[in-house]
Amino acid sequence: ATRNAAGTLALSVRNSGNAHVKVTRLSLYDDAESPLLDKATSEYVLAGESREWSLGLAEPFADRLTLHAVTHAGDHRALVDVTEP
């Protein structure tokens, strides 16, 4: 994830597998149980490709977030470091 000059967040997801993935929901958490962002989507990430979402999540947010992605192939969780552009 990248914090842009306006202080909002862009999230990039890479599909390193050999089949497409349909992402239906993205949620970002810091240490709290409630999501900072919960976004419904219907986007495909093709095999070997990347997809970026401009999330409009304004600061303050932590330098490390937990991503929960719901896809047609199941749920996925990952720690995401937030970097500067």
PDB file of N, CA and C in Angstrom:
ATOM      1  N   ALA A   1       0.851  -1.178   0.000  1.00  0.00           N
ATOM      2  CA  ALA A   1       0.000   0.000   0.000  1.00  0.00           C
ATOM      3  C   ALA A   1       0.891   1.234   0.000  1.00  0.00           C
ATOM      4  N   THR A   2       0.415   2.294  -0.609  1.00  0.00           N
ATOM      5  CA  THR A   2       1.186   3.524  -0.707  1.00  0.00           C
ATOM      6  C   THR A   2       0.348   4.696  -0.206  1.00  0.00           C
ATOM      7  N   ARG A   3       0.948   5.490   0.667  1.00  0.00           N
ATOM      8  CA  ARG A   3       0.328   6.734   1.127  1.00  0.00           C
ATOM      9  C   ARG A   3       0.705   7.794   0.109  1.00  0.00           C
ATOM     10  N   ASN A   4      -0.289   8.386  -0.562  1.00  0.00           N
ATOM     11  CA  ASN A   4       0.032   9.377  -1.596  1.00  0.00           C
ATOM     12  C   ASN A   4       0.182  10.773  -0.997  1.00  0.00           C
ATOM     13  N   ALA A   5       0.512  11.728  -1.836  1.00  0.00           N
ATOM     14  CA  ALA A   5       0.787  13.089  -1.376  1.00  0.00           C
ATOM     15  C   ALA A   5      -0.415  13.728  -0.688  1.00  0.00           C
ATOM     16  N   ALA A   6      -1.623  13.318  -1.049  1.00  0.00           N
ATOM     17  CA  ALA A   6      -2.826  13.877  -0.435  1.00  0.00           C
ATOM     18  C   ALA A   6      -3.131  13.221   0.908  1.00  0.00           C
ATOM     19  N   GLY A   7      -2.330  12.205   1.298  1.00  0.00           N
ATOM     20  CA  GLY A   7      -2.543  11.534   2.571  1.00  0.00           C
ATOM     21  C   GLY A   7      -3.553  10.410   2.513  1.00  0.00           C
ATOM     22  N   THR A   8      -3.975  10.030   1.306  1.00  0.00           N
ATOM     23  CA  THR A   8      -4.892   8.906   1.170  1.00  0.00           C
ATOM     24  C   THR A   8      -4.110   7.660   0.774  1.00  0.00           C
ATOM     25  N   LEU A   9      -4.789   6.538   0.679  1.00  0.00           N
ATOM     26  CA  LEU A   9      -4.127   5.257   0.505  1.00  0.00           C
ATOM     27  C   LEU A   9      -4.475   4.613  -0.826  1.00  0.00           C
ATOM     28  N   ALA A  10      -3.446   4.057  -1.488  1.00  0.00           N
ATOM     29  CA  ALA A  10      -3.631   3.253  -2.693  1.00  0.00           C
ATOM     30  C   ALA A  10      -3.134   1.852  -2.381  1.00  0.00           C
ATOM     31  N   LEU A  11      -3.895   0.853  -2.762  1.00  0.00           N
ATOM     32  CA  LEU A  11      -3.561  -0.539  -2.481  1.00  0.00           C
ATOM     33  C   LEU A  11      -3.325  -1.268  -3.793  1.00  0.00           C
ATOM     34  N   SER A  12      -2.201  -1.960  -3.881  1.00  0.00           N
ATOM     35  CA  SER A  12      -1.874  -2.737  -5.066  1.00  0.00           C
ATOM     36  C   SER A  12      -1.854  -4.217  -4.684  1.00  0.00           C
ATOM     37  N   VAL A  13      -2.528  -5.030  -5.493  1.00  0.00           N
ATOM     38  CA  VAL A  13      -2.594  -6.477  -5.264  1.00  0.00           C
ATOM     39  C   VAL A  13      -2.029  -7.171  -6.494  1.00  0.00           C
ATOM     40  N   ARG A  14      -1.136  -8.125  -6.266  1.00  0.00           N
ATOM     41  CA  ARG A  14      -0.539  -8.899  -7.363  1.00  0.00           C
ATOM     42  C   ARG A  14      -0.996 -10.344  -7.259  1.00  0.00           C
ATOM     43  N   ASN A  15      -1.398 -10.911  -8.395  1.00  0.00           N
ATOM     44  CA  ASN A  15      -1.807 -12.307  -8.484  1.00  0.00           C
ATOM     45  C   ASN A  15      -0.641 -13.091  -9.067  1.00  0.00           C
ATOM     46  N   SER A  16       0.084 -13.797  -8.211  1.00  0.00           N
ATOM     47  CA  SER A  16       1.231 -14.572  -8.677  1.00  0.00           C
ATOM     48  C   SER A  16       0.847 -16.006  -9.029  1.00  0.00           C
ATOM     49  N   GLY A  17      -0.442 -16.303  -9.003  1.00  0.00           N
ATOM     50  CA  GLY A  17      -0.921 -17.637  -9.350  1.00  0.00           C
ATOM     51  C   GLY A  17      -1.083 -17.810 -10.854  1.00  0.00           C
ATOM     52  N   ASN A  18      -1.724 -18.912 -11.235  1.00  0.00           N
ATOM     53  CA  ASN A  18      -1.908 -19.196 -12.662  1.00  0.00           C
ATOM     54  C   ASN A  18      -3.381 -19.163 -13.082  1.00  0.00           C
ATOM     55  N   ALA A  19      -4.240 -18.576 -12.233  1.00  0.00           N
ATOM     56  CA  ALA A  19      -5.658 -18.429 -12.565  1.00  0.00           C
ATOM     57  C   ALA A  19      -6.138 -17.059 -12.098  1.00  0.00           C
ATOM     58  N   HIS A  20      -7.174 -16.524 -12.740  1.00  0.00           N
ATOM     59  CA  HIS A  20      -7.702 -15.227 -12.333  1.00  0.00           C
ATOM     60  C   HIS A  20      -8.365 -15.330 -10.959  1.00  0.00           C
ATOM     61  N   VAL A  21      -8.474 -14.185 -10.291  1.00  0.00           N
ATOM     62  CA  VAL A  21      -9.140 -14.098  -8.998  1.00  0.00           C
ATOM     63  C   VAL A  21     -10.126 -12.944  -9.073  1.00  0.00           C
ATOM     64  N   LYS A  22     -11.352 -13.185  -8.642  1.00  0.00           N
ATOM     65  CA  LYS A  22     -12.345 -12.117  -8.566  1.00  0.00           C
ATOM     66  C   LYS A  22     -12.428 -11.644  -7.120  1.00  0.00           C
ATOM     67  N   VAL A  23     -12.072 -10.387  -6.895  1.00  0.00           N
ATOM     68  CA  VAL A  23     -12.110  -9.790  -5.563  1.00  0.00           C
ATOM     69  C   VAL A  23     -13.485  -9.149  -5.373  1.00  0.00           C
ATOM     70  N   THR A  24     -14.176  -9.542  -4.298  1.00  0.00           N
ATOM     71  CA  THR A  24     -15.520  -9.014  -4.060  1.00  0.00           C
ATOM     72  C   THR A  24     -15.602  -8.063  -2.871  1.00  0.00           C
ATOM     73  N   ARG A  25     -14.597  -8.100  -1.980  1.00  0.00           N
ATOM     74  CA  ARG A  25     -14.585  -7.185  -0.834  1.00  0.00           C
ATOM     75  C   ARG A  25     -13.162  -7.003  -0.340  1.00  0.00           C
ATOM     76  N   LEU A  26     -12.826  -5.754  -0.005  1.00  0.00           N
ATOM     77  CA  LEU A  26     -11.541  -5.419   0.599  1.00  0.00           C
ATOM     78  C   LEU A  26     -11.812  -4.726   1.924  1.00  0.00           C
ATOM     79  N   SER A  27     -11.162  -5.200   2.981  1.00  0.00           N
ATOM     80  CA  SER A  27     -11.266  -4.563   4.291  1.00  0.00           C
ATOM     81  C   SER A  27      -9.862  -4.342   4.820  1.00  0.00           C
ATOM     82  N   LEU A  28      -9.653  -3.189   5.445  1.00  0.00           N
ATOM     83  CA  LEU A  28      -8.364  -2.864   6.058  1.00  0.00           C
ATOM     84  C   LEU A  28      -8.580  -2.587   7.532  1.00  0.00           C
ATOM     85  N   TYR A  29      -7.699  -3.150   8.350  1.00  0.00           N
ATOM     86  CA  TYR A  29      -7.770  -3.009   9.803  1.00  0.00           C
ATOM     87  C   TYR A  29      -6.435  -2.514  10.333  1.00  0.00           C
ATOM     88  N   ASP A  30      -6.490  -1.738  11.429  1.00  0.00           N
ATOM     89  CA  ASP A  30      -5.272  -1.497  12.194  1.00  0.00           C
ATOM     90  C   ASP A  30      -5.367  -2.434  13.399  1.00  0.00           C
ATOM     91  N   ASP A  31      -5.142  -1.985  14.581  1.00  0.00           N
ATOM     92  CA  ASP A  31      -5.230  -2.866  15.749  1.00  0.00           C
ATOM     93  C   ASP A  31      -6.658  -3.071  16.233  1.00  0.00           C
ATOM     94  N   ALA A  32      -7.576  -2.295  15.744  1.00  0.00           N
ATOM     95  CA  ALA A  32      -8.964  -2.367  16.204  1.00  0.00           C
ATOM     96  C   ALA A  32      -9.716  -3.497  15.501  1.00  0.00           C
ATOM     97  N   GLU A  33     -10.836  -3.884  16.089  1.00  0.00           N
ATOM     98  CA  GLU A  33     -11.663  -4.923  15.485  1.00  0.00           C
ATOM     99  C   GLU A  33     -12.529  -4.372  14.355  1.00  0.00           C
ATOM    100  N   SER A  34     -12.826  -3.092  14.410  1.00  0.00           N
ATOM    101  CA  SER A  34     -13.642  -2.473  13.367  1.00  0.00           C
ATOM    102  C   SER A  34     -12.750  -2.080  12.199  1.00  0.00           C
ATOM    103  N   PRO A  35     -13.206  -2.331  10.978  1.00  0.00           N
ATOM    104  CA  PRO A  35     -12.364  -1.987   9.830  1.00  0.00           C
ATOM    105  C   PRO A  35     -12.240  -0.474   9.643  1.00  0.00           C
ATOM    106  N   LEU A  36     -11.056  -0.053   9.223  1.00  0.00           N
ATOM    107  CA  LEU A  36     -10.861   1.331   8.810  1.00  0.00           C
ATOM    108  C   LEU A  36     -11.566   1.575   7.484  1.00  0.00           C
ATOM    109  N   LEU A  37     -11.630   0.514   6.683  1.00  0.00           N
ATOM    110  CA  LEU A  37     -12.237   0.584   5.363  1.00  0.00           C
ATOM    111  C   LEU A  37     -12.860  -0.764   5.054  1.00  0.00           C
ATOM    112  N   ASP A  38     -14.053  -0.739   4.519  1.00  0.00           N
ATOM    113  CA  ASP A  38     -14.734  -1.958   4.080  1.00  0.00           C
ATOM    114  C   ASP A  38     -15.372  -1.635   2.739  1.00  0.00           C
ATOM    115  N   LYS A  39     -14.780  -2.163   1.658  1.00  0.00           N
ATOM    116  CA  LYS A  39     -15.177  -1.763   0.307  1.00  0.00           C
ATOM    117  C   LYS A  39     -15.646  -2.968  -0.498  1.00  0.00           C
ATOM    118  N   ALA A  40     -16.884  -2.909  -0.967  1.00  0.00           N
ATOM    119  CA  ALA A  40     -17.379  -3.919  -1.901  1.00  0.00           C
ATOM    120  C   ALA A  40     -16.817  -3.602  -3.279  1.00  0.00           C
ATOM    121  N   THR A  41     -16.434  -4.637  -4.007  1.00  0.00           N
ATOM    122  CA  THR A  41     -15.885  -4.456  -5.341  1.00  0.00           C
ATOM    123  C   THR A  41     -16.228  -5.681  -6.177  1.00  0.00           C
ATOM    124  N   SER A  42     -15.994  -5.604  -7.437  1.00  0.00           N
ATOM    125  CA  SER A  42     -16.196  -6.738  -8.335  1.00  0.00           C
ATOM    126  C   SER A  42     -15.135  -6.651  -9.423  1.00  0.00           C
ATOM    127  N   GLU A  43     -13.892  -6.837  -9.003  1.00  0.00           N
ATOM    128  CA  GLU A  43     -12.753  -6.656  -9.899  1.00  0.00           C
ATOM    129  C   GLU A  43     -11.986  -7.963 -10.044  1.00  0.00           C
ATOM    130  N   TYR A  44     -11.502  -8.206 -11.230  1.00  0.00           N
ATOM    131  CA  TYR A  44     -10.661  -9.377 -11.491  1.00  0.00           C
ATOM    132  C   TYR A  44      -9.196  -8.972 -11.451  1.00  0.00           C
ATOM    133  N   VAL A  45      -8.373  -9.862 -10.894  1.00  0.00           N
ATOM    134  CA  VAL A  45      -6.921  -9.727 -10.984  1.00  0.00           C
ATOM    135  C   VAL A  45      -6.466 -10.964 -11.746  1.00  0.00           C
ATOM    136  N   LEU A  46      -6.011 -10.745 -12.973  1.00  0.00           N
ATOM    137  CA  LEU A  46      -5.629 -11.856 -13.836  1.00  0.00           C
ATOM    138  C   LEU A  46      -4.307 -12.466 -13.384  1.00  0.00           C
ATOM    139  N   ALA A  47      -4.090 -13.710 -13.742  1.00  0.00           N
ATOM    140  CA  ALA A  47      -2.862 -14.421 -13.381  1.00  0.00           C
ATOM    141  C   ALA A  47      -1.646 -13.640 -13.866  1.00  0.00           C
ATOM    142  N   GLY A  48      -0.683 -13.430 -12.968  1.00  0.00           N
ATOM    143  CA  GLY A  48       0.530 -12.721 -13.319  1.00  0.00           C
ATOM    144  C   GLY A  48       0.377 -11.214 -13.427  1.00  0.00           C
ATOM    145  N   GLU A  49      -0.783 -10.686 -13.099  1.00  0.00           N
ATOM    146  CA  GLU A  49      -1.055  -9.259 -13.233  1.00  0.00           C
ATOM    147  C   GLU A  49      -1.258  -8.614 -11.867  1.00  0.00           C
ATOM    148  N   SER A  50      -1.342  -7.287 -11.868  1.00  0.00           N
ATOM    149  CA  SER A  50      -1.598  -6.511 -10.660  1.00  0.00           C
ATOM    150  C   SER A  50      -2.816  -5.636 -10.870  1.00  0.00           C
ATOM    151  N   ARG A  51      -3.435  -5.248  -9.774  1.00  0.00           N
ATOM    152  CA  ARG A  51      -4.577  -4.329  -9.801  1.00  0.00           C
ATOM    153  C   ARG A  51      -4.394  -3.351  -8.670  1.00  0.00           C
ATOM    154  N   GLU A  52      -4.674  -2.072  -8.907  1.00  0.00           N
ATOM    155  CA  GLU A  52      -4.543  -1.060  -7.869  1.00  0.00           C
ATOM    156  C   GLU A  52      -5.888  -0.416  -7.589  1.00  0.00           C
ATOM    157  N   TRP A  53      -6.164  -0.210  -6.308  1.00  0.00           N
ATOM    158  CA  TRP A  53      -7.364   0.478  -5.859  1.00  0.00           C
ATOM    159  C   TRP A  53      -6.958   1.756  -5.155  1.00  0.00           C
ATOM    160  N   SER A  54      -7.563   2.879  -5.524  1.00  0.00           N
ATOM    161  CA  SER A  54      -7.413   4.118  -4.787  1.00  0.00           C
ATOM    162  C   SER A  54      -8.531   4.130  -3.761  1.00  0.00           C
ATOM    163  N   LEU A  55      -8.171   4.011  -2.497  1.00  0.00           N
ATOM    164  CA  LEU A  55      -9.169   3.724  -1.476  1.00  0.00           C
ATOM    165  C   LEU A  55      -9.783   4.953  -0.824  1.00  0.00           C
ATOM    166  N   GLY A  56      -9.149   6.098  -0.938  1.00  0.00           N
ATOM    167  CA  GLY A  56      -9.727   7.292  -0.342  1.00  0.00           C
ATOM    168  C   GLY A  56      -9.733   7.258   1.172  1.00  0.00           C
ATOM    169  N   LEU A  57      -8.964   6.365   1.763  1.00  0.00           N
ATOM    170  CA  LEU A  57      -8.848   6.280   3.216  1.00  0.00           C
ATOM    171  C   LEU A  57      -7.904   7.368   3.673  1.00  0.00           C
ATOM    172  N   ALA A  58      -8.426   8.323   4.432  1.00  0.00           N
ATOM    173  CA  ALA A  58      -7.612   9.457   4.860  1.00  0.00           C
ATOM    174  C   ALA A  58      -6.868   9.125   6.150  1.00  0.00           C
ATOM    175  N   GLU A  59      -5.733   9.776   6.321  1.00  0.00           N
ATOM    176  CA  GLU A  59      -4.958   9.599   7.550  1.00  0.00           C
ATOM    177  C   GLU A  59      -5.776  10.112   8.728  1.00  0.00           C
ATOM    178  N   PRO A  60      -5.509   9.693   9.929  1.00  0.00           N
ATOM    179  CA  PRO A  60      -4.361   8.884  10.323  1.00  0.00           C
ATOM    180  C   PRO A  60      -4.640   7.388  10.178  1.00  0.00           C
ATOM    181  N   PHE A  61      -3.647   6.655   9.748  1.00  0.00           N
ATOM    182  CA  PHE A  61      -3.676   5.202   9.763  1.00  0.00           C
ATOM    183  C   PHE A  61      -2.261   4.707  10.000  1.00  0.00           C
ATOM    184  N   ALA A  62      -2.148   3.494  10.463  1.00  0.00           N
ATOM    185  CA  ALA A  62      -0.861   2.942  10.882  1.00  0.00           C
ATOM    186  C   ALA A  62       0.040   2.676   9.681  1.00  0.00           C
ATOM    187  N   ASP A  63       1.319   2.435   9.974  1.00  0.00           N
ATOM    188  CA  ASP A  63       2.279   2.091   8.926  1.00  0.00           C
ATOM    189  C   ASP A  63       2.186   0.628   8.516  1.00  0.00           C
ATOM    190  N   ARG A  64       1.426  -0.154   9.271  1.00  0.00           N
ATOM    191  CA  ARG A  64       1.178  -1.551   8.915  1.00  0.00           C
ATOM    192  C   ARG A  64      -0.302  -1.840   9.192  1.00  0.00           C
ATOM    193  N   LEU A  65      -0.976  -2.358   8.172  1.00  0.00           N
ATOM    194  CA  LEU A  65      -2.398  -2.669   8.261  1.00  0.00           C
ATOM    195  C   LEU A  65      -2.614  -4.139   7.938  1.00  0.00           C
ATOM    196  N   THR A  66      -3.766  -4.646   8.343  1.00  0.00           N
ATOM    197  CA  THR A  66      -4.155  -6.001   7.970  1.00  0.00           C
ATOM    198  C   THR A  66      -5.195  -5.911   6.868  1.00  0.00           C
ATOM    199  N   LEU A  67      -4.937  -6.581   5.762  1.00  0.00           N
ATOM    200  CA  LEU A  67      -5.857  -6.640   4.631  1.00  0.00           C
ATOM    201  C   LEU A  67      -6.647  -7.936   4.712  1.00  0.00           C
ATOM    202  N   HIS A  68      -7.951  -7.825   4.579  1.00  0.00           N
ATOM    203  CA  HIS A  68      -8.816  -8.995   4.439  1.00  0.00           C
ATOM    204  C   HIS A  68      -9.487  -8.863   3.082  1.00  0.00           C
ATOM    205  N   ALA A  69      -9.174  -9.787   2.190  1.00  0.00           N
ATOM    206  CA  ALA A  69      -9.746  -9.771   0.843  1.00  0.00           C
ATOM    207  C   ALA A  69     -10.655 -10.980   0.680  1.00  0.00           C
ATOM    208  N   VAL A  70     -11.863 -10.740   0.245  1.00  0.00           N
ATOM    209  CA  VAL A  70     -12.810 -11.816  -0.047  1.00  0.00           C
ATOM    210  C   VAL A  70     -12.794 -12.020  -1.555  1.00  0.00           C
ATOM    211  N   THR A  71     -12.537 -13.260  -1.981  1.00  0.00           N
ATOM    212  CA  THR A  71     -12.494 -13.579  -3.404  1.00  0.00           C
ATOM    213  C   THR A  71     -13.378 -14.780  -3.682  1.00  0.00           C
ATOM    214  N   HIS A  72     -13.594 -15.057  -4.958  1.00  0.00           N
ATOM    215  CA  HIS A  72     -14.387 -16.230  -5.328  1.00  0.00           C
ATOM    216  C   HIS A  72     -13.674 -17.527  -4.932  1.00  0.00           C
ATOM    217  N   ALA A  73     -12.367 -17.437  -4.651  1.00  0.00           N
ATOM    218  CA  ALA A  73     -11.575 -18.610  -4.266  1.00  0.00           C
ATOM    219  C   ALA A  73     -11.390 -18.706  -2.756  1.00  0.00           C
ATOM    220  N   GLY A  74     -12.021 -17.832  -1.995  1.00  0.00           N
ATOM    221  CA  GLY A  74     -11.913 -17.862  -0.543  1.00  0.00           C
ATOM    222  C   GLY A  74     -11.415 -16.547   0.025  1.00  0.00           C
ATOM    223  N   ASP A  75     -11.304 -16.514   1.349  1.00  0.00           N
ATOM    224  CA  ASP A  75     -10.848 -15.323   2.052  1.00  0.00           C
ATOM    225  C   ASP A  75      -9.333 -15.366   2.212  1.00  0.00           C
ATOM    226  N   HIS A  76      -8.722 -14.186   2.164  1.00  0.00           N
ATOM    227  CA  HIS A  76      -7.274 -14.075   2.308  1.00  0.00           C
ATOM    228  C   HIS A  76      -6.962 -12.928   3.249  1.00  0.00           C
ATOM    229  N   ARG A  77      -6.014 -13.150   4.156  1.00  0.00           N
ATOM    230  CA  ARG A  77      -5.535 -12.105   5.070  1.00  0.00           C
ATOM    231  C   ARG A  77      -4.046 -11.923   4.874  1.00  0.00           C
ATOM    232  N   ALA A  78      -3.598 -10.671   4.963  1.00  0.00           N
ATOM    233  CA  ALA A  78      -2.174 -10.373   4.819  1.00  0.00           C
ATOM    234  C   ALA A  78      -1.848  -9.100   5.556  1.00  0.00           C
ATOM    235  N   LEU A  79      -0.632  -9.031   6.085  1.00  0.00           N
ATOM    236  CA  LEU A  79      -0.120  -7.774   6.639  1.00  0.00           C
ATOM    237  C   LEU A  79       0.386  -6.925   5.486  1.00  0.00           C
ATOM    238  N   VAL A  80       0.053  -5.639   5.532  1.00  0.00           N
ATOM    239  CA  VAL A  80       0.403  -4.716   4.452  1.00  0.00           C
ATOM    240  C   VAL A  80       1.186  -3.555   5.049  1.00  0.00           C
ATOM    241  N   ASP A  81       2.408  -3.354   4.567  1.00  0.00           N
ATOM    242  CA  ASP A  81       3.197  -2.187   4.968  1.00  0.00           C
ATOM    243  C   ASP A  81       2.781  -0.999   4.128  1.00  0.00           C
ATOM    244  N   VAL A  82       2.600   0.131   4.783  1.00  0.00           N
ATOM    245  CA  VAL A  82       2.233   1.375   4.101  1.00  0.00           C
ATOM    246  C   VAL A  82       3.515   2.154   3.849  1.00  0.00           C
ATOM    247  N   THR A  83       3.798   2.452   2.577  1.00  0.00           N
ATOM    248  CA  THR A  83       5.017   3.157   2.204  1.00  0.00           C
ATOM    249  C   THR A  83       4.688   4.539   1.645  1.00  0.00           C
ATOM    250  N   GLU A  84       5.706   5.352   1.561  1.00  0.00           N
ATOM    251  CA  GLU A  84       5.578   6.667   0.937  1.00  0.00           C
ATOM    252  C   GLU A  84       5.772   6.495  -0.566  1.00  0.00           C
ATOM    253  N   PRO A  85       5.190   7.393  -1.383  1.00  0.00           N
ATOM    254  CA  PRO A  85       5.357   7.262  -2.849  1.00  0.00           C
ATOM    255  C   PRO A  85       6.788   7.442  -3.306  1.00  0.00           C
TER     256      PRO A  85
END
